[in-house]
N, C-alpha and C. Protein backbone atom coordinates (compact mmCIF):
# COMPACT_ATOMS: atom_id res chain seq x y z
N MET A 1 39.49 -47.41 70.53
CA MET A 1 38.46 -47.65 69.55
C MET A 1 37.19 -46.86 69.87
N GLU A 2 36.63 -46.45 68.83
CA GLU A 2 35.39 -45.69 69.00
C GLU A 2 34.21 -46.64 69.14
N PRO A 3 33.30 -46.23 69.97
CA PRO A 3 32.12 -47.11 70.07
C PRO A 3 31.31 -47.04 68.79
N GLN A 4 30.81 -48.17 68.41
CA GLN A 4 30.02 -48.26 67.17
C GLN A 4 28.60 -47.90 67.50
N GLU A 5 28.09 -46.99 66.73
CA GLU A 5 26.71 -46.60 66.91
C GLU A 5 25.85 -47.52 66.08
N ASN A 6 24.76 -47.79 66.59
CA ASN A 6 23.86 -48.72 65.96
C ASN A 6 22.83 -47.95 65.11
N HIS A 7 23.26 -47.63 63.87
CA HIS A 7 22.34 -46.92 62.97
C HIS A 7 21.72 -47.89 62.02
N THR A 8 20.43 -47.80 61.91
CA THR A 8 19.78 -48.67 60.93
C THR A 8 19.23 -47.77 59.84
N PRO A 9 19.63 -48.01 58.59
CA PRO A 9 19.10 -47.18 57.53
C PRO A 9 17.61 -47.36 57.41
N GLN A 10 16.94 -46.24 57.00
CA GLN A 10 15.53 -46.32 56.85
C GLN A 10 15.20 -47.21 55.66
N GLU A 11 14.39 -48.13 55.93
CA GLU A 11 14.06 -49.08 54.86
C GLU A 11 12.84 -48.57 54.16
N ALA A 12 12.77 -48.87 52.87
CA ALA A 12 11.56 -48.54 52.12
C ALA A 12 10.44 -49.42 52.60
N PRO A 13 9.26 -48.88 52.63
CA PRO A 13 8.13 -49.69 53.11
C PRO A 13 7.90 -50.84 52.11
N HIS A 14 7.43 -51.90 52.67
CA HIS A 14 7.11 -53.05 51.80
C HIS A 14 5.93 -52.67 50.91
N ILE A 15 6.10 -52.92 49.65
CA ILE A 15 5.07 -52.53 48.69
C ILE A 15 4.03 -53.66 48.62
N THR A 16 2.88 -53.34 49.08
CA THR A 16 1.74 -54.25 48.98
C THR A 16 0.57 -53.49 48.43
N TRP A 17 -0.45 -54.24 48.08
CA TRP A 17 -1.66 -53.58 47.57
C TRP A 17 -2.28 -52.66 48.59
N ARG A 18 -2.18 -53.08 49.83
CA ARG A 18 -2.75 -52.29 50.92
C ARG A 18 -1.96 -50.97 51.05
N SER A 19 -0.59 -51.01 50.94
CA SER A 19 0.22 -49.78 51.07
C SER A 19 0.02 -48.88 49.88
N ILE A 20 -0.22 -49.46 48.71
CA ILE A 20 -0.48 -48.63 47.50
C ILE A 20 -1.82 -47.94 47.63
N LEU A 21 -2.85 -48.69 47.96
CA LEU A 21 -4.20 -48.10 48.08
C LEU A 21 -4.30 -47.17 49.28
N GLY A 22 -3.57 -47.44 50.32
CA GLY A 22 -3.60 -46.59 51.51
C GLY A 22 -2.79 -45.33 51.36
N GLY A 23 -1.92 -45.24 50.38
CA GLY A 23 -1.13 -44.07 50.12
C GLY A 23 0.21 -44.05 50.81
N GLU A 24 0.60 -45.12 51.44
CA GLU A 24 1.87 -45.13 52.18
C GLU A 24 3.06 -45.00 51.22
N VAL A 25 2.97 -45.61 50.07
CA VAL A 25 4.05 -45.50 49.06
C VAL A 25 4.17 -44.08 48.58
N LEU A 26 3.06 -43.43 48.34
CA LEU A 26 3.08 -42.04 47.86
C LEU A 26 3.62 -41.10 48.92
N VAL A 27 3.27 -41.31 50.18
CA VAL A 27 3.79 -40.49 51.26
C VAL A 27 5.29 -40.66 51.36
N HIS A 28 5.77 -41.87 51.24
CA HIS A 28 7.22 -42.12 51.32
C HIS A 28 7.95 -41.41 50.16
N LEU A 29 7.39 -41.50 48.94
CA LEU A 29 8.04 -40.83 47.80
C LEU A 29 8.00 -39.30 47.99
N MET A 30 6.88 -38.78 48.52
CA MET A 30 6.78 -37.33 48.74
C MET A 30 7.79 -36.84 49.74
N LYS A 31 8.03 -37.63 50.78
CA LYS A 31 9.02 -37.21 51.80
C LYS A 31 10.39 -37.19 51.22
N LYS A 32 10.72 -38.14 50.36
CA LYS A 32 12.05 -38.21 49.79
C LYS A 32 12.27 -37.09 48.75
N GLN A 33 11.24 -36.71 48.05
CA GLN A 33 11.37 -35.74 46.96
C GLN A 33 10.76 -34.41 47.26
N ALA A 34 10.61 -34.04 48.53
CA ALA A 34 9.95 -32.81 48.93
C ALA A 34 10.64 -31.57 48.31
N ASN A 35 11.95 -31.54 48.37
CA ASN A 35 12.67 -30.37 47.84
C ASN A 35 12.46 -30.21 46.34
N LEU A 36 12.47 -31.32 45.63
CA LEU A 36 12.24 -31.29 44.19
C LEU A 36 10.83 -30.82 43.88
N ILE A 37 9.86 -31.28 44.63
CA ILE A 37 8.46 -30.84 44.39
C ILE A 37 8.31 -29.36 44.67
N ILE A 38 8.92 -28.86 45.71
CA ILE A 38 8.86 -27.44 46.02
C ILE A 38 9.51 -26.62 44.92
N LEU A 39 10.67 -27.07 44.43
CA LEU A 39 11.33 -26.38 43.33
C LEU A 39 10.45 -26.38 42.08
N ILE A 40 9.85 -27.49 41.77
CA ILE A 40 8.99 -27.53 40.58
C ILE A 40 7.78 -26.59 40.74
N MET A 41 7.23 -26.52 41.94
CA MET A 41 6.08 -25.61 42.15
C MET A 41 6.51 -24.16 42.00
N ILE A 42 7.68 -23.82 42.51
CA ILE A 42 8.19 -22.43 42.36
C ILE A 42 8.41 -22.09 40.89
N LEU A 43 8.98 -23.04 40.12
CA LEU A 43 9.23 -22.80 38.71
C LEU A 43 7.92 -22.65 37.94
N VAL A 44 6.94 -23.46 38.30
CA VAL A 44 5.61 -23.34 37.64
C VAL A 44 5.01 -21.96 37.92
N ILE A 45 5.10 -21.51 39.17
CA ILE A 45 4.54 -20.19 39.49
C ILE A 45 5.29 -19.10 38.72
N LEU A 46 6.59 -19.22 38.63
CA LEU A 46 7.38 -18.20 37.87
C LEU A 46 7.00 -18.20 36.40
N TYR A 47 6.78 -19.43 35.85
CA TYR A 47 6.40 -19.54 34.42
C TYR A 47 5.06 -18.87 34.16
N ILE A 48 4.09 -19.12 35.05
CA ILE A 48 2.78 -18.57 34.88
C ILE A 48 2.85 -17.04 34.99
N ASP A 49 3.62 -16.53 35.94
CA ASP A 49 3.76 -15.08 36.10
C ASP A 49 4.42 -14.45 34.89
N ASN A 50 5.44 -15.10 34.37
CA ASN A 50 6.15 -14.59 33.18
C ASN A 50 5.22 -14.53 31.97
N ARG A 51 4.42 -15.58 31.82
CA ARG A 51 3.52 -15.62 30.67
C ARG A 51 2.46 -14.52 30.80
N TYR A 52 1.94 -14.33 31.99
CA TYR A 52 0.93 -13.27 32.22
C TYR A 52 1.55 -11.90 31.92
N SER A 53 2.75 -11.67 32.38
CA SER A 53 3.42 -10.38 32.15
C SER A 53 3.64 -10.17 30.64
N SER A 54 4.04 -11.21 29.93
CA SER A 54 4.27 -11.07 28.47
C SER A 54 2.98 -10.74 27.77
N GLN A 55 1.89 -11.40 28.16
CA GLN A 55 0.59 -11.12 27.53
C GLN A 55 0.17 -9.66 27.78
N GLN A 56 0.37 -9.17 28.98
CA GLN A 56 0.01 -7.75 29.27
C GLN A 56 0.85 -6.80 28.45
N GLU A 57 2.13 -7.11 28.26
CA GLU A 57 2.99 -6.25 27.46
C GLU A 57 2.56 -6.31 25.96
N MET A 58 2.18 -7.46 25.47
CA MET A 58 1.71 -7.55 24.11
C MET A 58 0.42 -6.76 23.90
N ILE A 59 -0.45 -6.78 24.85
CA ILE A 59 -1.70 -6.01 24.76
C ILE A 59 -1.35 -4.50 24.75
N GLU A 60 -0.42 -4.10 25.55
CA GLU A 60 0.02 -2.68 25.60
C GLU A 60 0.66 -2.30 24.28
N ILE A 61 1.47 -3.17 23.70
CA ILE A 61 2.12 -2.89 22.41
C ILE A 61 1.10 -2.72 21.32
N ASP A 62 0.08 -3.59 21.27
CA ASP A 62 -0.98 -3.49 20.27
C ASP A 62 -1.77 -2.17 20.41
N ARG A 63 -2.04 -1.79 21.67
CA ARG A 63 -2.76 -0.55 21.91
C ARG A 63 -1.93 0.63 21.43
N LEU A 64 -0.64 0.62 21.72
CA LEU A 64 0.23 1.73 21.29
C LEU A 64 0.37 1.79 19.78
N LYS A 65 0.41 0.61 19.12
CA LYS A 65 0.46 0.60 17.63
C LYS A 65 -0.78 1.24 17.05
N LYS A 66 -1.98 0.92 17.57
CA LYS A 66 -3.19 1.52 17.08
C LYS A 66 -3.18 3.04 17.34
N GLU A 67 -2.73 3.44 18.49
CA GLU A 67 -2.65 4.86 18.79
C GLU A 67 -1.67 5.58 17.88
N LEU A 68 -0.56 4.92 17.53
CA LEU A 68 0.41 5.52 16.61
C LEU A 68 -0.19 5.68 15.21
N ILE A 69 -0.91 4.68 14.75
CA ILE A 69 -1.56 4.78 13.42
C ILE A 69 -2.55 5.95 13.43
N ASP A 70 -3.38 6.04 14.49
CA ASP A 70 -4.34 7.12 14.56
C ASP A 70 -3.64 8.49 14.58
N THR A 71 -2.54 8.57 15.29
CA THR A 71 -1.81 9.85 15.36
C THR A 71 -1.20 10.18 13.99
N LYS A 72 -0.68 9.18 13.28
CA LYS A 72 -0.12 9.41 11.94
C LYS A 72 -1.20 9.93 11.02
N TYR A 73 -2.40 9.32 11.05
CA TYR A 73 -3.47 9.77 10.21
C TYR A 73 -3.90 11.19 10.53
N ASP A 74 -3.96 11.51 11.82
CA ASP A 74 -4.28 12.88 12.25
C ASP A 74 -3.25 13.87 11.72
N ALA A 75 -1.98 13.50 11.88
CA ALA A 75 -0.91 14.41 11.40
C ALA A 75 -0.99 14.59 9.90
N LEU A 76 -1.28 13.55 9.17
CA LEU A 76 -1.40 13.62 7.72
C LEU A 76 -2.57 14.52 7.33
N THR A 77 -3.68 14.37 8.02
CA THR A 77 -4.84 15.19 7.74
C THR A 77 -4.56 16.70 8.01
N ILE A 78 -3.95 16.97 9.13
CA ILE A 78 -3.60 18.37 9.48
C ILE A 78 -2.61 18.93 8.48
N SER A 79 -1.63 18.12 8.07
CA SER A 79 -0.65 18.58 7.09
C SER A 79 -1.29 18.91 5.76
N SER A 80 -2.21 18.06 5.34
CA SER A 80 -2.90 18.34 4.03
C SER A 80 -3.79 19.55 4.13
N GLU A 81 -4.42 19.77 5.28
CA GLU A 81 -5.24 20.96 5.45
C GLU A 81 -4.39 22.22 5.42
N LEU A 82 -3.25 22.16 6.08
CA LEU A 82 -2.32 23.29 6.10
C LEU A 82 -1.83 23.61 4.67
N THR A 83 -1.48 22.55 3.94
CA THR A 83 -1.03 22.74 2.56
C THR A 83 -2.13 23.40 1.72
N GLU A 84 -3.34 22.92 1.91
CA GLU A 84 -4.48 23.46 1.14
C GLU A 84 -4.72 24.93 1.51
N ARG A 85 -4.67 25.27 2.78
CA ARG A 85 -4.93 26.66 3.19
C ARG A 85 -3.80 27.60 2.87
N SER A 86 -2.60 27.10 2.71
CA SER A 86 -1.47 27.99 2.42
C SER A 86 -1.18 28.14 0.94
N ARG A 87 -2.00 27.59 0.08
CA ARG A 87 -1.83 27.84 -1.36
C ARG A 87 -2.10 29.29 -1.66
N GLN A 88 -1.43 29.75 -2.73
CA GLN A 88 -1.53 31.17 -3.07
C GLN A 88 -2.97 31.55 -3.37
N SER A 89 -3.66 30.69 -4.13
CA SER A 89 -5.03 31.04 -4.54
C SER A 89 -5.96 31.15 -3.31
N ARG A 90 -5.78 30.25 -2.31
CA ARG A 90 -6.58 30.35 -1.11
C ARG A 90 -6.28 31.62 -0.30
N ILE A 91 -5.01 31.97 -0.26
CA ILE A 91 -4.63 33.17 0.46
C ILE A 91 -5.23 34.40 -0.21
N GLU A 92 -5.18 34.42 -1.58
CA GLU A 92 -5.73 35.57 -2.30
C GLU A 92 -7.24 35.64 -2.05
N GLU A 93 -7.94 34.50 -2.04
CA GLU A 93 -9.38 34.50 -1.81
C GLU A 93 -9.67 35.03 -0.38
N TYR A 94 -8.89 34.62 0.58
CA TYR A 94 -9.09 35.09 1.97
C TYR A 94 -8.87 36.60 2.10
N ILE A 95 -7.80 37.06 1.44
CA ILE A 95 -7.49 38.51 1.52
C ILE A 95 -8.58 39.32 0.85
N SER A 96 -9.06 38.85 -0.31
CA SER A 96 -10.10 39.64 -1.01
C SER A 96 -11.43 39.58 -0.24
N ALA A 97 -11.68 38.48 0.46
CA ALA A 97 -12.91 38.37 1.23
C ALA A 97 -12.88 39.25 2.47
N GLU A 98 -11.68 39.49 3.01
CA GLU A 98 -11.57 40.34 4.20
C GLU A 98 -11.60 41.82 3.86
N GLY A 99 -11.37 42.15 2.60
CA GLY A 99 -11.40 43.55 2.16
C GLY A 99 -10.18 44.34 2.58
N THR A 100 -9.06 43.70 2.65
CA THR A 100 -7.80 44.41 2.94
C THR A 100 -7.22 45.01 1.67
N PRO A 101 -6.37 46.02 1.81
CA PRO A 101 -5.83 46.65 0.64
C PRO A 101 -4.64 45.88 0.04
N LEU A 102 -4.33 44.73 0.53
CA LEU A 102 -3.22 43.91 -0.02
C LEU A 102 -3.58 43.41 -1.38
N LYS A 103 -2.60 43.36 -2.29
CA LYS A 103 -2.83 42.85 -3.63
C LYS A 103 -1.63 42.00 -4.01
N THR A 104 -1.81 41.13 -5.02
CA THR A 104 -0.75 40.30 -5.50
C THR A 104 0.20 41.15 -6.32
N ALA A 105 1.49 40.96 -6.15
CA ALA A 105 2.47 41.73 -6.90
C ALA A 105 2.38 41.46 -8.36
N SER A 106 2.47 42.55 -9.14
CA SER A 106 2.36 42.42 -10.60
C SER A 106 3.75 42.18 -11.23
N THR A 107 4.81 42.54 -10.51
CA THR A 107 6.14 42.28 -11.01
C THR A 107 6.76 41.17 -10.23
N PRO A 108 7.51 40.31 -10.86
CA PRO A 108 8.13 39.20 -10.16
C PRO A 108 9.24 39.72 -9.23
N PRO A 109 9.50 39.00 -8.20
CA PRO A 109 10.56 39.40 -7.27
C PRO A 109 11.92 39.27 -7.93
N TYR A 110 12.89 40.04 -7.52
CA TYR A 110 14.22 39.94 -8.11
C TYR A 110 15.20 39.78 -6.98
N LEU A 111 16.36 39.22 -7.28
CA LEU A 111 17.40 38.92 -6.32
C LEU A 111 18.40 40.06 -6.28
N ILE A 112 18.70 40.53 -5.10
CA ILE A 112 19.70 41.58 -4.91
C ILE A 112 21.02 40.85 -4.70
N LYS A 113 21.96 41.13 -5.61
CA LYS A 113 23.24 40.49 -5.49
C LYS A 113 24.17 41.36 -4.65
N LYS A 114 24.94 40.67 -3.89
CA LYS A 114 25.93 41.32 -3.04
C LYS A 114 27.22 41.42 -3.82
N GLU A 115 27.80 42.58 -3.87
CA GLU A 115 29.02 42.76 -4.60
C GLU A 115 30.22 42.43 -3.73
N ASP A 116 31.22 41.86 -4.34
CA ASP A 116 32.45 41.54 -3.60
C ASP A 116 33.30 42.81 -3.49
N THR A 117 33.52 43.29 -2.31
CA THR A 117 34.35 44.46 -2.10
C THR A 117 35.77 44.05 -1.80
N GLU A 118 35.99 42.85 -1.55
CA GLU A 118 37.34 42.36 -1.25
C GLU A 118 37.95 41.70 -2.49
N LYS A 119 38.52 42.50 -3.38
CA LYS A 119 39.15 41.92 -4.56
C LYS A 119 40.60 42.13 -4.55
């Protein structure tokens, strides 16, 4: 036969007003639930970090949206200026102001057709 070991289970402290006000009950509960409290603290820290990261990304997204709108407006402005400058009347005004011998053609252009030699 094996010798019996004399193990006494840890008993919960007697709950009295003195133990409640002195904090003994709270210390006993903290010792029993230390792993759970550490896990909860880690999860809270991860939650706060995740929220901060999401807010930073949202701020970056808003900044990029504003920059995209500004770039679109700039591109539209440049495109309209190019369209205005490349009109035939503007080109003719520029050429006449520069004094070059170029003139507008008086005859319309015509299409040169290619004949089929393989019949």
